[in-house]
Amino acid sequence: ALFGKRTSVSDAHDRYANQEVSYLLQRIEAFSGVVILATNLRHNIDDAFMRRFQSVVAFPLPRAAERLRLWQEAFPAAVHLDPALDLPTLARQHEISGGTIMNVVRYACLQALGRGDGIVRPGAVDEGIRRELLKEGRAS
């Protein structure tokens, strides 16, 4: 994590990670422009960084109705949705961000285009969700 909390040094890796965080902090402080950072792991940000932020804006995860709209609008015209793909159920069952939905859509579309039929199947969407949750440390 680029802006992770600094820790006590027990090996060369810890020392290097702490040096990286310190270096980034110095570079941000020396920069005369606006710096915008984004994270989905706010609790992992080093306290020294948090003290230097003028503003911290939190964006909650979209609600089910918002997720449904994201799902409905995310798929490009180049693909077709399998009639068995139940977007309202996906929106209700999976509390995920818009960015995660877009990553799932990209994965499922690549699978559809790779097969040559251009049909987004439920299994590809389910696998995309599983992969994204695994990346976020929320594997089910």
Protein backbone atom coordinates (compact mmCIF):
# COMPACT_ATOMS: atom_id res chain seq x y z
CA ALA A 1 0.00 0.00 0.00
CA LEU A 2 1.49 3.30 -1.05
CA PHE A 3 0.06 5.24 1.86
CA GLY A 4 -0.02 2.44 4.39
CA LYS A 5 0.72 2.90 8.07
CA ARG A 6 4.38 2.90 8.95
CA THR A 7 5.41 0.06 11.22
CA SER A 8 8.27 -0.87 13.48
CA VAL A 9 11.22 -2.10 11.47
CA SER A 10 11.91 -5.81 11.77
CA ASP A 11 13.50 -6.45 8.37
CA ALA A 12 14.69 -4.75 5.18
CA HIS A 13 11.21 -4.88 3.68
CA ASP A 14 9.74 -2.91 6.60
CA ARG A 15 12.53 -0.35 6.39
CA TYR A 16 12.00 0.09 2.64
CA ALA A 17 8.21 0.39 3.03
CA ASN A 18 8.63 3.03 5.73
CA GLN A 19 11.09 4.93 3.52
CA GLU A 20 8.57 4.89 0.66
CA VAL A 21 5.82 6.32 2.86
CA SER A 22 8.16 9.01 4.21
CA TYR A 23 9.30 9.91 0.70
CA LEU A 24 5.74 10.23 -0.58
CA LEU A 25 4.81 12.38 2.39
CA GLN A 26 7.75 14.72 1.67
CA ARG A 27 6.86 14.94 -2.03
CA ILE A 28 3.22 15.74 -1.28
CA GLU A 29 4.19 18.45 1.19
CA ALA A 30 6.60 20.01 -1.33
CA PHE A 31 4.05 19.99 -4.16
CA SER A 32 2.42 23.38 -4.72
CA GLY A 33 -0.68 22.11 -6.52
CA VAL A 34 -3.76 20.16 -5.52
CA VAL A 35 -3.28 16.51 -4.58
CA ILE A 36 -6.24 14.16 -4.80
CA LEU A 37 -5.95 10.68 -3.33
CA ALA A 38 -8.49 7.88 -3.36
CA THR A 39 -8.71 4.70 -1.33
CA ASN A 40 -11.18 2.05 -0.32
CA LEU A 41 -9.04 1.27 2.74
CA ARG A 42 -9.15 4.54 4.68
CA HIS A 43 -8.30 2.82 7.97
CA ASN A 44 -4.94 1.77 6.47
CA ILE A 45 -3.76 5.31 5.71
CA ASP A 46 -0.83 6.50 7.79
CA ASP A 47 -1.83 9.00 10.52
CA ALA A 48 0.77 11.49 9.28
CA PHE A 49 -0.99 11.61 5.93
CA MET A 50 -4.42 12.03 7.50
CA ARG A 51 -3.24 15.02 9.56
CA ARG A 52 -2.09 16.80 6.41
CA PHE A 53 -5.31 16.42 4.44
CA GLN A 54 -7.35 19.59 4.26
CA SER A 55 -10.48 17.67 3.33
CA VAL A 56 -11.53 14.05 3.49
CA VAL A 57 -14.61 13.13 1.51
CA ALA A 58 -16.21 9.74 2.07
CA PHE A 59 -18.36 8.16 -0.62
CA PRO A 60 -20.58 5.37 0.67
CA LEU A 61 -21.22 2.28 -1.40
CA PRO A 62 -24.21 2.67 -3.71
CA ARG A 63 -27.53 1.33 -2.47
CA ALA A 64 -29.28 -1.54 -4.27
CA ALA A 65 -31.30 0.77 -6.56
CA GLU A 66 -28.15 2.68 -7.49
CA ARG A 67 -26.25 -0.55 -8.09
CA LEU A 68 -29.05 -1.78 -10.36
CA ARG A 69 -28.77 1.35 -12.48
CA LEU A 70 -24.99 0.95 -12.63
CA TRP A 71 -25.37 -2.66 -13.77
CA GLN A 72 -27.98 -1.69 -16.36
CA GLU A 73 -25.86 1.07 -17.86
CA ALA A 74 -22.45 -0.59 -17.66
CA PHE A 75 -22.63 -3.10 -20.50
CA PRO A 76 -21.51 -1.86 -23.93
CA ALA A 77 -23.63 -2.25 -27.05
CA ALA A 78 -21.08 -4.73 -28.46
CA VAL A 79 -22.40 -7.48 -26.17
CA HIS A 80 -25.79 -8.98 -25.40
CA LEU A 81 -26.99 -10.11 -21.98
CA ASP A 82 -28.07 -13.69 -21.50
CA PRO A 83 -31.78 -13.62 -20.51
CA ALA A 84 -30.85 -15.66 -17.41
CA LEU A 85 -28.66 -12.79 -16.15
CA ASP A 86 -30.70 -11.29 -13.30
CA LEU A 87 -29.40 -7.77 -12.74
CA PRO A 88 -31.91 -6.86 -9.98
CA THR A 89 -30.77 -9.88 -7.95
CA LEU A 90 -27.10 -9.02 -8.52
CA ALA A 91 -27.77 -5.48 -7.32
CA ARG A 92 -29.52 -6.71 -4.17
CA GLN A 93 -27.10 -9.49 -3.26
CA HIS A 94 -23.73 -7.82 -3.85
CA GLU A 95 -22.85 -4.65 -1.94
CA ILE A 96 -20.05 -3.47 -4.21
CA SER A 97 -18.82 -0.15 -5.57
CA GLY A 98 -19.37 1.26 -9.03
CA GLY A 99 -15.70 0.67 -9.81
CA THR A 100 -16.03 -2.97 -8.83
CA ILE A 101 -19.14 -3.32 -11.00
CA MET A 102 -17.18 -1.89 -13.95
CA ASN A 103 -14.33 -4.36 -13.37
CA VAL A 104 -16.84 -7.23 -13.29
CA VAL A 105 -18.48 -5.98 -16.49
CA ARG A 106 -15.10 -5.74 -18.25
CA TYR A 107 -14.23 -9.28 -17.19
CA ALA A 108 -17.61 -10.69 -18.28
CA CYS A 109 -17.49 -8.82 -21.60
CA LEU A 110 -13.99 -10.10 -22.34
CA GLN A 111 -15.23 -13.63 -21.68
CA ALA A 112 -18.19 -13.10 -24.03
CA LEU A 113 -16.07 -11.61 -26.78
CA GLY A 114 -13.38 -14.25 -26.30
CA ARG A 115 -15.94 -17.01 -26.87
CA GLY A 116 -16.97 -15.23 -30.06
CA ASP A 117 -20.69 -15.10 -29.34
CA GLY A 118 -20.78 -11.74 -27.52
CA ILE A 119 -23.26 -13.04 -24.93
CA VAL A 120 -22.59 -12.13 -21.30
CA ARG A 121 -23.50 -15.20 -19.27
CA PRO A 122 -24.37 -15.32 -15.56
CA GLY A 123 -21.41 -17.59 -14.83
CA ALA A 124 -18.95 -15.03 -16.20
CA VAL A 125 -20.52 -12.27 -14.09
CA ASP A 126 -20.45 -14.50 -11.00
CA GLU A 127 -16.78 -15.32 -11.64
CA GLY A 128 -16.01 -11.64 -12.15
CA ILE A 129 -17.64 -10.80 -8.83
CA ARG A 130 -15.74 -13.61 -7.12
CA ARG A 131 -12.44 -12.34 -8.54
CA GLU A 132 -13.14 -8.76 -7.48
CA LEU A 133 -14.14 -9.77 -3.95
CA LEU A 134 -10.97 -11.84 -3.73
CA LYS A 135 -8.90 -8.78 -4.74
CA GLU A 136 -10.65 -6.77 -2.01
CA GLY A 137 -10.06 -9.48 0.60
CA ARG A 138 -13.79 -10.18 0.82
CA ALA A 139 -13.91 -13.58 -0.87
CA SER A 140 -17.00 -15.57 -0.05
